[in-house]
Protein backbone atom coordinates (compact mmCIF):
# COMPACT_ATOMS: atom_id res chain seq x y z
CA MET A 1 0.00 0.00 0.00
CA SER A 2 1.54 3.28 -1.10
CA ASP A 3 1.75 6.36 1.12
CA PRO A 4 -0.91 8.95 0.49
CA ASP A 5 0.04 12.20 -1.18
CA PRO A 6 1.31 14.71 1.40
CA PRO A 7 -1.09 17.49 2.29
CA GLU A 8 -0.53 20.78 0.49
CA PHE A 9 0.72 22.58 3.62
CA CYS A 10 3.85 20.42 3.58
CA ILE A 11 5.27 22.51 0.76
CA THR A 12 5.94 25.26 3.32
CA HIS A 13 8.86 23.16 4.53
CA GLU A 14 10.63 23.34 1.20
CA VAL A 15 13.65 25.66 1.52
CA GLU A 16 13.96 28.09 -1.37
CA ASN A 17 15.79 31.34 -2.06
CA GLN A 18 18.33 30.92 0.74
CA THR A 19 22.03 31.45 0.22
CA THR A 20 24.66 28.79 0.74
CA PRO A 21 27.30 29.22 3.47
CA LEU A 22 30.32 31.25 2.44
CA VAL A 23 32.98 28.56 2.79
CA ASP A 24 35.78 26.92 0.80
CA TYR A 25 37.11 30.05 -0.85
CA ASN A 26 40.47 31.84 -0.78
CA VAL A 27 40.46 34.80 1.59
CA PHE A 28 43.52 36.31 -0.09
CA THR A 29 43.00 35.93 -3.84
CA THR A 30 39.38 37.14 -3.64
CA ASN A 31 40.52 40.50 -2.26
CA MET A 32 42.04 42.43 -5.17
CA ALA A 33 42.95 45.54 -3.19
CA LEU A 34 44.89 43.48 -0.65
CA LEU A 35 46.56 41.33 -3.29
CA GLU A 36 47.72 44.40 -5.21
CA ALA A 37 48.89 46.15 -2.03
CA VAL A 38 51.06 43.20 -1.03
CA LYS A 39 52.76 43.27 -4.43
CA ARG A 40 53.10 47.05 -4.49
CA GLU A 41 54.30 47.60 -0.94
CA GLY A 42 57.29 45.27 -1.19
CA ALA A 43 56.08 41.78 -0.28
CA ASP A 44 55.61 40.28 -3.75
CA TRP A 45 57.83 37.38 -2.61
CA ALA A 46 55.10 36.39 -0.12
CA ILE A 47 52.26 35.97 -2.65
CA GLU A 48 52.51 32.18 -2.87
CA ASP A 49 52.64 31.73 0.90
CA LEU A 50 49.76 34.16 1.48
CA THR A 51 47.72 32.38 -1.18
CA LYS A 52 48.15 29.09 0.66
CA PHE A 53 47.24 30.78 3.93
CA GLY A 54 44.17 32.36 2.35
CA GLU A 55 43.03 28.94 1.15
CA TYR A 56 43.44 27.51 4.65
CA LEU A 57 41.50 30.37 6.22
CA GLY A 58 38.59 30.00 3.82
CA ARG A 59 38.07 26.30 4.45
CA ALA A 60 34.80 25.31 6.06
CA GLU A 61 36.72 23.55 8.86
CA THR A 62 38.75 26.67 9.70
CA ILE A 63 35.67 28.88 9.73
CA GLU A 64 34.00 26.40 12.06
CA LEU A 65 36.98 26.64 14.44
CA GLY A 66 36.29 30.35 14.78
CA ALA A 67 32.66 29.69 15.61
CA LEU A 68 33.55 27.01 18.16
CA ALA A 69 36.13 29.16 19.91
CA ASN A 70 33.56 31.90 20.38
CA ARG A 71 30.72 29.61 21.44
CA ASN A 72 33.00 28.08 24.08
CA PRO A 73 34.74 30.97 25.86
CA PRO A 74 37.72 30.50 28.20
CA VAL A 75 37.27 29.51 31.84
CA LEU A 76 39.37 30.59 34.81
CA LYS A 77 40.69 27.73 36.93
CA THR A 78 41.84 29.46 40.11
CA PHE A 79 42.81 26.34 42.10
CA ASP A 80 43.80 22.79 41.26
CA ARG A 81 41.94 19.80 42.71
CA TYR A 82 44.10 19.87 45.85
CA GLY A 83 43.55 23.55 46.64
CA HIS A 84 46.80 24.94 45.27
CA ARG A 85 46.45 28.37 43.68
CA ILE A 86 47.28 28.06 39.95
CA ASP A 87 45.42 30.91 38.16
CA GLU A 88 45.23 29.00 34.89
CA VAL A 89 42.91 29.84 31.99
CA GLU A 90 41.45 26.91 30.07
CA PHE A 91 40.48 27.22 26.40
CA HIS A 92 38.46 25.20 23.95
CA PRO A 93 40.58 23.05 21.57
CA ALA A 94 39.42 25.24 18.66
CA TRP A 95 41.21 28.22 20.22
CA HIS A 96 44.45 26.29 20.42
CA GLU A 97 44.15 25.15 16.81
CA LEU A 98 43.67 28.74 15.65
CA MET A 99 46.55 29.98 17.78
CA ALA A 100 48.78 27.26 16.36
CA ALA A 101 47.83 28.30 12.82
CA SER A 102 48.58 31.96 13.52
CA VAL A 103 51.96 31.17 15.07
CA ARG A 104 52.76 28.73 12.26
CA GLN A 105 52.15 31.57 9.81
CA GLY A 106 54.51 33.77 11.83
CA ILE A 107 52.01 36.56 12.55
CA HIS A 108 53.39 36.78 16.09
CA SER A 109 57.02 37.51 15.17
CA SER A 110 58.06 36.76 11.57
CA SER A 111 58.80 40.37 10.69
CA TRP A 112 61.46 40.38 13.44
CA ALA A 113 62.69 36.79 13.22
CA GLU A 114 63.02 36.83 9.42
CA PRO A 115 63.70 40.48 8.51
CA LYS A 116 63.64 41.23 4.81
CA ARG A 117 62.13 43.72 2.38
CA GLY A 118 58.37 43.75 2.89
CA ALA A 119 58.40 41.52 5.98
CA HIS A 120 56.00 43.79 7.91
CA VAL A 121 53.73 44.09 4.86
CA ALA A 122 53.54 40.31 4.43
CA ARG A 123 52.85 39.86 8.12
CA ALA A 124 50.21 42.64 8.01
CA ALA A 125 48.35 40.93 5.16
CA ALA A 126 48.28 37.65 7.08
CA ALA A 127 47.05 39.40 10.24
CA LEU A 128 44.29 41.19 8.32
CA MET A 129 43.08 37.95 6.76
CA PHE A 130 43.19 35.96 9.98
CA THR A 131 40.94 38.49 11.69
CA GLU A 132 38.29 37.88 9.04
CA ILE A 133 37.91 34.32 10.33
CA GLU A 134 38.55 34.76 14.08
CA ALA A 135 39.42 38.03 15.79
CA GLY A 136 39.96 36.95 19.40
CA THR A 137 43.35 35.41 18.71
CA GLN A 138 44.56 38.80 17.48
CA CYS A 139 45.17 40.00 21.05
CA PRO A 140 47.99 37.68 22.21
CA ILE A 141 49.48 37.50 18.71
CA THR A 142 49.58 41.29 18.37
CA MET A 143 51.04 41.85 21.82
CA THR A 144 53.77 39.29 21.21
CA HIS A 145 54.72 40.98 17.95
CA ALA A 146 54.77 44.41 19.57
CA SER A 147 56.82 43.27 22.56
CA VAL A 148 60.00 42.64 20.56
CA PRO A 149 61.30 46.25 20.26
CA PRO A 150 61.03 46.99 24.01
CA LEU A 151 62.40 43.55 24.93
CA ARG A 152 65.53 44.33 22.96
CA LYS A 153 66.27 47.09 25.45
CA ASN A 154 67.20 44.44 28.03
CA LYS A 155 69.97 42.20 26.68
CA MET A 156 69.58 39.62 29.43
CA LEU A 157 65.86 39.14 28.78
CA ALA A 158 66.26 39.35 25.02
CA GLY A 159 68.81 36.56 25.04
CA THR A 160 66.48 34.25 26.93
CA TRP A 161 63.10 35.15 25.49
CA LEU A 162 63.47 36.24 21.88
CA PRO A 163 64.49 32.76 20.64
CA LYS A 164 61.27 31.43 22.17
CA LEU A 165 59.20 34.17 20.51
CA PHE A 166 60.86 33.67 17.13
CA THR A 167 59.88 30.03 16.73
CA ARG A 168 56.82 29.06 14.71
CA THR A 169 55.72 26.53 17.28
CA TYR A 170 52.71 27.19 19.47
CA ASP A 171 53.32 25.65 22.88
CA ARG A 172 50.11 25.71 24.94
CA ARG A 173 51.63 24.11 28.04
CA PHE A 174 51.30 26.01 31.31
CA GLU A 175 54.85 25.72 32.59
CA PRO A 176 58.16 27.66 32.85
CA VAL A 177 59.44 28.97 29.54
CA ALA A 178 62.76 27.15 29.84
CA GLY A 179 61.06 23.88 28.95
CA LYS A 180 58.83 25.25 26.20
CA THR A 181 59.33 25.34 22.44
CA GLY A 182 57.58 28.68 21.99
CA ALA A 183 56.29 31.62 24.02
CA LEU A 184 53.80 34.51 23.88
CA ILE A 185 53.85 37.92 25.55
CA GLY A 186 50.94 39.95 26.94
CA MET A 187 50.73 43.40 28.46
CA GLY A 188 49.05 45.22 31.33
CA MET A 189 48.71 49.00 31.55
CA THR A 190 45.17 49.94 32.60
CA GLU A 191 44.23 50.36 36.26
CA LYS A 192 40.85 51.10 37.83
CA GLN A 193 41.48 54.79 38.44
CA GLY A 194 43.29 55.67 35.23
CA GLY A 195 42.16 54.02 32.03
CA SER A 196 44.09 55.72 29.24
CA ASP A 197 45.78 58.04 31.75
CA VAL A 198 48.48 55.55 32.72
CA ARG A 199 50.47 58.21 34.57
CA THR A 200 47.94 57.83 37.40
CA ASN A 201 48.89 54.16 37.85
CA LYS A 202 49.40 53.22 41.49
CA SER A 203 51.10 49.83 41.24
CA GLN A 204 54.43 50.12 43.07
CA ALA A 205 57.76 48.60 42.02
CA THR A 206 60.52 48.14 44.61
CA LEU A 207 64.09 47.43 43.52
CA ILE A 208 65.42 44.04 44.66
CA ASP A 209 68.64 43.67 42.66
CA ALA A 210 70.25 46.67 40.97
CA GLN A 211 72.64 44.50 38.97
CA THR A 212 69.94 42.44 37.24
CA GLY A 213 67.19 45.08 37.30
CA GLU A 214 64.86 42.87 39.33
CA TYR A 215 61.92 44.48 41.15
CA SER A 216 58.98 43.40 43.28
CA ILE A 217 55.60 44.79 42.22
CA VAL A 218 52.48 45.23 44.33
CA GLY A 219 49.32 46.49 42.69
CA HIS A 220 46.67 45.58 40.14
CA LYS A 221 45.55 45.81 36.52
CA TRP A 222 41.90 46.39 35.68
CA PHE A 223 42.29 45.09 32.11
CA PHE A 224 44.95 42.44 31.70
CA SER A 225 44.55 40.90 28.27
CA ALA A 226 45.48 37.35 27.34
CA PRO A 227 46.49 36.22 30.85
CA MET A 228 47.53 32.81 29.51
CA CYS A 229 50.68 34.34 28.02
CA ASP A 230 54.12 33.36 29.30
CA ALA A 231 55.09 36.88 30.36
CA PHE A 232 53.78 40.45 30.34
CA LEU A 233 54.98 43.99 29.93
CA VAL A 234 53.45 46.06 32.74
CA LEU A 235 53.62 49.63 33.98
CA ALA A 236 54.31 50.44 37.63
CA GLN A 237 55.62 53.36 39.67
CA ALA A 238 59.31 53.10 40.60
CA LYS A 239 61.49 55.58 42.47
CA ALA A 240 62.12 57.64 39.33
CA GLY A 241 58.50 57.47 38.16
CA LEU A 242 56.35 55.30 35.91
CA SER A 243 58.44 52.49 34.45
CA CYS A 244 58.02 49.45 32.21
CA PHE A 245 58.67 45.95 33.55
CA PHE A 246 58.84 42.42 32.21
CA MET A 247 56.82 40.05 34.39
CA PRO A 248 56.94 36.25 33.71
CA ARG A 249 54.22 33.83 34.82
CA PHE A 250 56.84 31.43 36.24
CA LEU A 251 60.08 32.19 38.03
CA ALA A 252 63.46 30.57 37.35
CA ASP A 253 62.97 28.00 40.12
CA GLY A 254 59.76 26.79 38.47
CA SER A 255 57.38 28.40 40.97
CA LEU A 256 54.45 30.56 39.92
CA ASN A 257 55.00 34.29 40.04
CA SER A 258 52.64 36.18 42.36
CA ILE A 259 50.11 37.13 39.68
CA ARG A 260 46.56 36.52 40.90
CA ILE A 261 43.79 36.43 38.31
CA GLN A 262 40.72 37.77 40.11
CA ARG A 263 38.19 37.11 37.36
CA LEU A 264 37.69 37.09 33.58
CA LYS A 265 35.81 39.96 32.00
CA ASP A 266 32.31 39.33 30.65
CA LYS A 267 32.60 41.28 27.39
CA LEU A 268 30.25 42.39 24.64
CA GLY A 269 32.32 40.51 22.08
CA ASN A 270 35.81 39.08 21.70
CA LYS A 271 34.42 36.05 23.50
CA SER A 272 37.11 33.58 22.49
CA ASN A 273 39.84 35.68 24.11
CA ALA A 274 40.38 35.96 27.85
CA SER A 275 40.56 39.45 29.35
CA SER A 276 41.08 39.61 33.08
CA GLU A 277 41.49 41.57 36.27
CA VAL A 278 44.66 40.77 38.20
CA GLU A 279 46.48 41.67 41.38
CA PHE A 280 50.22 41.52 42.02
CA PHE A 281 51.34 40.34 45.45
CA GLY A 282 55.05 41.07 45.29
CA ALA A 283 55.34 39.74 41.73
CA HIS A 284 58.90 39.61 40.40
CA ALA A 285 59.62 41.70 37.31
CA TRP A 286 62.60 43.11 35.44
CA LEU A 287 63.07 46.68 34.24
CA ILE A 288 62.71 47.38 30.51
CA GLY A 289 64.44 50.55 29.38
CA GLU A 290 65.19 53.31 31.90
CA GLU A 291 63.44 53.78 35.21
CA GLY A 292 60.92 56.60 34.91
CA ARG A 293 60.69 56.17 31.11
CA GLY A 294 57.83 53.70 31.07
CA VAL A 295 55.49 55.76 28.91
CA PRO A 296 57.91 56.19 25.96
CA THR A 297 58.75 52.49 26.18
CA ILE A 298 55.12 51.44 26.08
CA ILE A 299 54.31 53.97 23.34
CA GLU A 300 56.89 52.29 21.14
CA MET A 301 55.06 49.02 21.69
CA ALA A 302 51.68 50.70 21.20
CA THR A 303 52.67 51.94 17.75
CA TYR A 304 52.75 48.34 16.58
CA THR A 305 49.57 47.33 18.38
CA ARG A 306 47.77 50.34 16.91
CA LEU A 307 48.74 49.21 13.44
CA ASP A 308 47.15 45.86 14.24
CA CYS A 309 43.96 47.54 15.43
CA GLY A 310 43.66 49.10 11.98
CA LEU A 311 44.49 45.79 10.31
CA GLY A 312 41.96 43.95 12.46
CA SER A 313 39.14 46.39 11.73
CA THR A 314 39.94 46.30 8.02
CA GLY A 315 39.73 42.51 8.09
CA LEU A 316 36.41 42.57 9.91
CA MET A 317 35.05 45.12 7.46
CA HIS A 318 36.12 43.05 4.48
CA GLN A 319 34.54 39.90 5.87
CA ALA A 320 31.28 41.74 6.55
CA LEU A 321 31.35 43.06 3.00
CA VAL A 322 31.94 39.71 1.30
CA GLN A 323 29.19 38.14 3.39
CA ALA A 324 26.85 40.86 2.11
CA ILE A 325 27.97 40.48 -1.52
CA HIS A 326 27.70 36.69 -1.34
CA HIS A 327 24.16 36.95 -0.01
CA ALA A 328 23.09 39.59 -2.52
CA SER A 329 24.48 37.52 -5.40
CA MET A 330 22.21 34.58 -4.52
CA ARG A 331 19.11 36.06 -2.88
CA THR A 332 16.09 37.05 -5.00
CA ALA A 333 13.57 39.73 -4.05
CA PHE A 334 10.85 41.22 -6.22
CA GLN A 335 11.77 38.93 -9.14
CA ARG A 336 15.40 40.04 -9.29
CA LYS A 337 18.63 39.11 -7.56
CA LEU A 338 19.50 41.68 -4.93
CA ILE A 339 22.79 42.41 -6.67
CA ASP A 340 20.85 43.32 -9.83
CA GLN A 341 18.82 46.00 -8.09
CA PRO A 342 20.28 49.50 -8.56
CA LEU A 343 19.81 50.69 -4.99
CA MET A 344 21.40 47.55 -3.55
CA ARG A 345 24.31 47.98 -5.92
CA ASN A 346 24.76 51.47 -4.55
CA VAL A 347 24.87 50.12 -0.99
CA LEU A 348 27.36 47.37 -1.80
CA ALA A 349 29.58 49.63 -3.88
CA ASP A 350 29.60 52.18 -1.07
CA LEU A 351 30.64 49.52 1.44
CA ALA A 352 33.30 48.30 -0.99
CA LEU A 353 34.73 51.81 -1.29
CA GLU A 354 35.09 52.00 2.48
CA VAL A 355 36.95 48.69 2.60
CA GLU A 356 39.24 49.53 -0.32
CA ALA A 357 40.15 52.87 1.26
CA ALA A 358 40.91 51.20 4.58
CA THR A 359 43.01 48.53 2.85
CA GLN A 360 45.03 51.07 0.90
CA LEU A 361 45.66 53.20 3.99
CA ILE A 362 46.60 50.45 6.44
CA MET A 363 48.83 48.56 4.00
CA ARG A 364 50.70 51.76 3.06
CA THR A 365 51.17 52.32 6.79
CA ALA A 366 52.49 48.78 7.16
CA ARG A 367 55.13 49.55 4.54
CA ALA A 368 56.40 52.38 6.73
CA PHE A 369 57.13 49.81 9.46
CA ASP A 370 59.45 47.97 7.09
CA ALA A 371 61.65 51.04 6.69
CA GLN A 372 62.93 51.08 10.28
CA ASP A 373 66.05 53.11 9.44
CA ASP A 374 64.37 55.56 7.06
CA GLU A 375 63.71 58.86 8.83
CA ARG A 376 61.00 59.91 6.40
CA GLU A 377 59.10 56.67 6.81
CA GLY A 378 59.55 57.01 10.57
CA HIS A 379 57.74 60.35 10.38
CA PHE A 380 54.99 58.75 8.32
CA ARG A 381 54.62 55.98 10.94
CA ARG A 382 54.43 58.45 13.78
CA ILE A 383 51.76 60.65 12.20
CA VAL A 384 49.64 58.29 10.14
CA THR A 385 49.40 55.28 12.49
CA PRO A 386 47.13 57.04 15.04
CA ALA A 387 45.10 58.63 12.23
CA ALA A 388 44.60 55.30 10.45
CA LYS A 389 43.75 53.53 13.70
CA TYR A 390 41.23 56.23 14.63
CA PHE A 391 39.41 56.48 11.32
CA ILE A 392 39.32 52.85 10.22
CA CYS A 393 38.19 51.63 13.64
CA LYS A 394 35.49 54.31 13.81
CA ARG A 395 34.10 53.38 10.41
CA ALA A 396 33.91 49.65 11.10
CA PRO A 397 30.79 49.45 13.34
CA ALA A 398 28.65 51.56 10.99
CA MET A 399 29.74 49.42 8.09
CA GLY A 400 29.00 46.24 10.03
CA VAL A 401 25.44 47.40 10.65
CA GLU A 402 24.86 48.07 6.95
CA ALA A 403 26.31 44.72 5.88
CA MET A 404 24.09 43.00 8.43
CA GLU A 405 21.06 44.76 7.00
CA VAL A 406 21.81 43.39 3.52
CA LEU A 407 21.16 39.93 4.98
CA GLY A 408 18.12 41.15 6.90
CA GLY A 409 17.07 38.85 9.71
CA ASN A 410 19.58 36.25 8.57
CA GLY A 411 22.33 38.70 9.45
CA TYR A 412 20.98 39.50 12.90
CA VAL A 413 20.85 35.96 14.27
CA GLU A 414 23.77 34.16 15.89
CA GLU A 415 23.90 31.49 13.17
CA GLY A 416 26.41 32.76 10.65
CA ASN A 417 29.10 35.19 11.72
CA LEU A 418 27.88 38.75 11.11
CA ALA A 419 26.51 39.12 14.64
CA ARG A 420 29.88 38.05 16.02
CA ILE A 421 31.73 40.41 13.68
CA TYR A 422 29.48 43.30 14.67
CA ARG A 423 30.13 42.75 18.38
CA GLU A 424 33.85 42.61 17.65
CA MET A 425 33.99 45.85 15.69
CA PRO A 426 33.96 48.47 18.50
CA LEU A 427 36.87 46.87 20.32
CA ASN A 428 39.76 47.97 18.11
CA SER A 429 38.66 51.56 18.59
CA ILE A 430 38.86 51.12 22.37
CA TRP A 431 42.07 49.04 22.50
CA GLU A 432 45.46 50.74 22.52
CA GLY A 433 44.10 54.24 23.00
CA SER A 434 40.52 55.29 22.33
CA GLY A 435 39.46 57.83 19.70
CA ASN A 436 40.31 60.99 21.62
CA VAL A 437 43.71 59.60 22.61
CA MET A 438 44.52 58.92 18.94
CA CYS A 439 43.48 62.39 17.85
CA LEU A 440 45.46 64.12 20.60
CA ASP A 441 48.43 61.92 19.74
CA LEU A 442 48.15 63.05 16.13
CA LEU A 443 48.21 66.71 17.21
CA ARG A 444 51.36 66.06 19.24
CA ALA A 445 53.00 64.30 16.33
CA LEU A 446 52.20 67.13 13.93
CA SER A 447 53.50 69.78 16.34
CA LYS A 448 56.73 67.95 17.20
CA THR A 449 57.71 66.71 13.75
CA PRO A 450 57.40 69.53 11.18
CA ASP A 451 59.50 67.49 8.76
CA GLY A 452 56.99 64.69 9.20
CA LEU A 453 54.18 66.88 7.95
CA GLU A 454 56.05 67.40 4.69
CA VAL A 455 56.38 63.62 4.31
CA VAL A 456 52.65 63.14 4.77
CA GLN A 457 51.78 66.01 2.44
CA GLU A 458 53.85 64.36 -0.25
CA GLU A 459 51.25 61.56 -0.37
CA TRP A 460 48.64 63.85 -1.89
CA ARG A 461 50.97 66.34 -3.57
CA SER A 462 52.47 63.50 -5.62
CA VAL A 463 49.11 62.99 -7.37
CA LYS A 464 48.17 66.65 -7.70
CA GLY A 465 46.31 67.31 -10.92
CA ASN A 466 44.86 63.83 -11.21
CA ASN A 467 41.61 64.55 -9.36
CA ALA A 468 40.24 68.05 -8.91
CA VAL A 469 38.12 67.07 -5.90
CA LEU A 470 41.16 65.71 -4.08
CA ASP A 471 43.19 68.80 -4.95
CA ARG A 472 40.59 71.10 -3.38
CA PHE A 473 40.23 68.91 -0.32
CA ALA A 474 44.01 68.69 0.22
CA LYS A 475 44.44 72.45 -0.10
CA GLN A 476 41.86 73.06 2.64
CA LEU A 477 43.33 70.29 4.79
CA GLU A 478 46.73 71.97 4.79
CA ILE A 479 45.07 75.15 6.04
CA ASP A 480 43.26 73.14 8.74
CA ILE A 481 46.52 71.53 9.87
CA ALA A 482 48.20 74.92 10.18
CA ASN A 483 45.35 76.09 12.42
CA ALA A 484 44.80 72.84 14.34
CA THR A 485 43.12 73.08 17.75
CA GLU A 486 42.17 70.43 20.28
CA PRO A 487 38.37 70.79 19.91
CA ALA A 488 38.75 70.20 16.16
CA ALA A 489 41.13 67.24 16.54
CA ARG A 490 38.63 64.56 15.55
CA ARG A 491 37.60 66.39 12.41
CA LEU A 492 41.23 66.98 11.47
CA THR A 493 42.20 63.34 12.05
CA GLU A 494 39.30 62.11 9.94
CA ARG A 495 40.12 64.49 7.11
CA LEU A 496 43.80 63.52 7.17
CA ALA A 497 42.95 59.82 6.95
CA LYS A 498 40.51 60.44 4.10
CA CYS A 499 42.98 62.57 2.18
CA ILE A 500 45.78 60.01 2.33
CA SER A 501 43.35 57.20 1.46
CA ALA A 502 42.05 59.16 -1.52
CA ALA A 503 45.58 59.94 -2.72
CA LEU A 504 46.49 56.26 -2.55
CA MET A 505 43.34 55.29 -4.43
CA VAL A 506 43.97 57.92 -7.12
CA GLN A 507 47.46 56.47 -7.52
CA TYR A 508 46.73 52.76 -7.29
CA SER A 509 43.01 51.94 -7.65
CA PRO A 510 41.09 51.89 -10.94
CA ASN A 511 39.88 55.35 -11.95
CA ALA A 512 36.23 54.46 -11.38
CA VAL A 513 36.94 53.43 -7.79
CA ALA A 514 39.08 56.45 -6.99
CA ASP A 515 36.68 58.92 -8.60
CA LEU A 516 33.70 57.54 -6.70
CA TYR A 517 35.60 57.69 -3.41
CA CYS A 518 36.67 61.29 -3.93
CA ALA A 519 33.22 62.38 -5.15
CA SER A 520 31.50 60.86 -2.12
CA ARG A 521 33.96 61.25 0.77
CA LEU A 522 35.70 64.50 -0.14
CA ASP A 523 33.14 66.59 -2.06
CA GLY A 524 30.14 66.48 0.25
CA ASN A 525 28.19 64.63 -2.44
CA TRP A 526 27.28 61.86 -0.03
CA GLY A 527 24.59 61.23 2.57
CA ASN A 528 24.82 60.17 6.19
CA ALA A 529 24.30 56.49 5.43
CA PHE A 530 25.86 53.95 3.08
CA GLY A 531 24.15 53.62 -0.28
CA THR A 532 24.13 57.33 -1.06
CA LEU A 533 26.81 57.39 -3.76
CA PRO A 534 26.29 59.68 -6.76
CA GLU A 535 24.82 57.77 -9.70
CA SER A 536 27.36 55.76 -11.66
CA ASP A 537 27.53 52.84 -14.07
CA GLN A 538 30.65 51.59 -12.26
CA PHE A 539 29.10 50.08 -9.13
CA LEU A 540 29.69 46.48 -10.20
CA ALA A 541 33.31 47.23 -11.07
CA VAL A 542 33.80 48.60 -7.55
CA ILE A 543 32.12 45.56 -5.98
CA ASP A 544 34.23 43.16 -8.03
CA ARG A 545 37.37 44.61 -6.44
CA ALA A 546 36.28 43.28 -3.06
CA TRP A 547 35.00 39.91 -4.23
CA SER A 548 36.44 38.33 -7.34
CA GLU A 549 36.47 34.57 -6.78
CA LYS A 550 35.56 32.58 -9.90
CA GLY A 551 32.23 30.88 -9.31
CA LEU A 552 31.36 33.16 -6.42
CA ALA A 553 31.81 36.49 -8.16
CA VAL A 554 29.16 39.13 -8.58
CA THR A 555 26.36 38.13 -10.95
CA ARG A 556 26.51 40.13 -14.16
CA PRO A 557 23.36 41.54 -15.67
């Protein structure tokens, strides 16, 4: 006897007009602006390696690791089963797999361990891509990378620790560094009373051994990121003032240092990564640099971490964009694919312009980090890094919202990754100096390095005559810089970042992309929301720059 025909209402369970998951694609080769920047900025030798890394990152299994690490956040294990204080943080296996992949790629130290032309650019591209798939691992990887310049100020510590940092082996074991095959470095600056104003720090450092630079530190840190690291750079008050110290988790005799993790932070996003509150009960630490010169020492480190904030936000923005383009290329509404509808094209092209500008700006900044001995590039680093960090990180959340809206309700739910990306986006603006700190830092850099201003001006003066809108904008910007005031610092920082981005796009992006960016961002011919570009027949060409994978490319009319 055959089954009866199903009732008509069963057809409501047929799934139609839904997109497929965005998996099994190459994160690197689909991003034309990034691919071109790597070649242009001196890391053409890394193309093959970055292509392999991009393929790994785009695999369904790798993307799932990111989801698992965020669905299963770290747990603080204060005591062992016998009651001994251990202050250990336990992570899901997915976290460890992602950390191992990042270290294997060398994002934590390759630009120092294997110095060559374009080493920082190659490392920057890998860091940007990795953040697209999982952003929480950025914290310990970034801090380890940034710790190398200050560590080199102490020859004793450098001799012991740098070889451990320069390996490409991720060693997750919670034990003294002497027996490990690799190590990671964290940092702790913020205290309850101070936040960004680290000069108000109250943690006290008392000298124990003048010959070795060993101190004992009593105090706390209100935000102590990545407490699973093997050692930390911390700020504390010494006799001569605020100083920078190197504080290991374990001491030479194998005992735990007196670092007490009080609790892990319950954060809006960045769930896979552990952020903590800690207290120091006479923790042993060693001086980095000169006593009383802690702020300049940490600022040197912060320059590198600020670059990574810009890289991280650019990666998140690009991932949000490709999720939106992928959805719009497959989803039908009102008898047409979303990508074929003129207003949706405007939205997607507008988002793509934002990502291309961020990519051009942050990768040009990365090139300045490769020229460590070039005074002109040093000026560029000093001025543009805070501006790039400020503007890119400010633009990311607004862009994330718009990309989410392209997917509608499917973008707002936890299934998929746009909700996770959106929660992640505000963090890079807060980390390593919030918006006002960046803008004030830019004012200081402009006032103290007049030669540096000439270096930055050369970015737009070198393309003078190629775009009338940019020429007018740059002329007014130079007047604004000459009359800079603190209340106008945010506006000035934004305009500087836009001007350099536009100059780079005029020089390196297709004319259609550069012209649309200048017309919308520099000429006032743009609304207060994405999707308000002036009319153009070039929207698809702009979108293709951000997403060009064969078989997953934008649908042509």
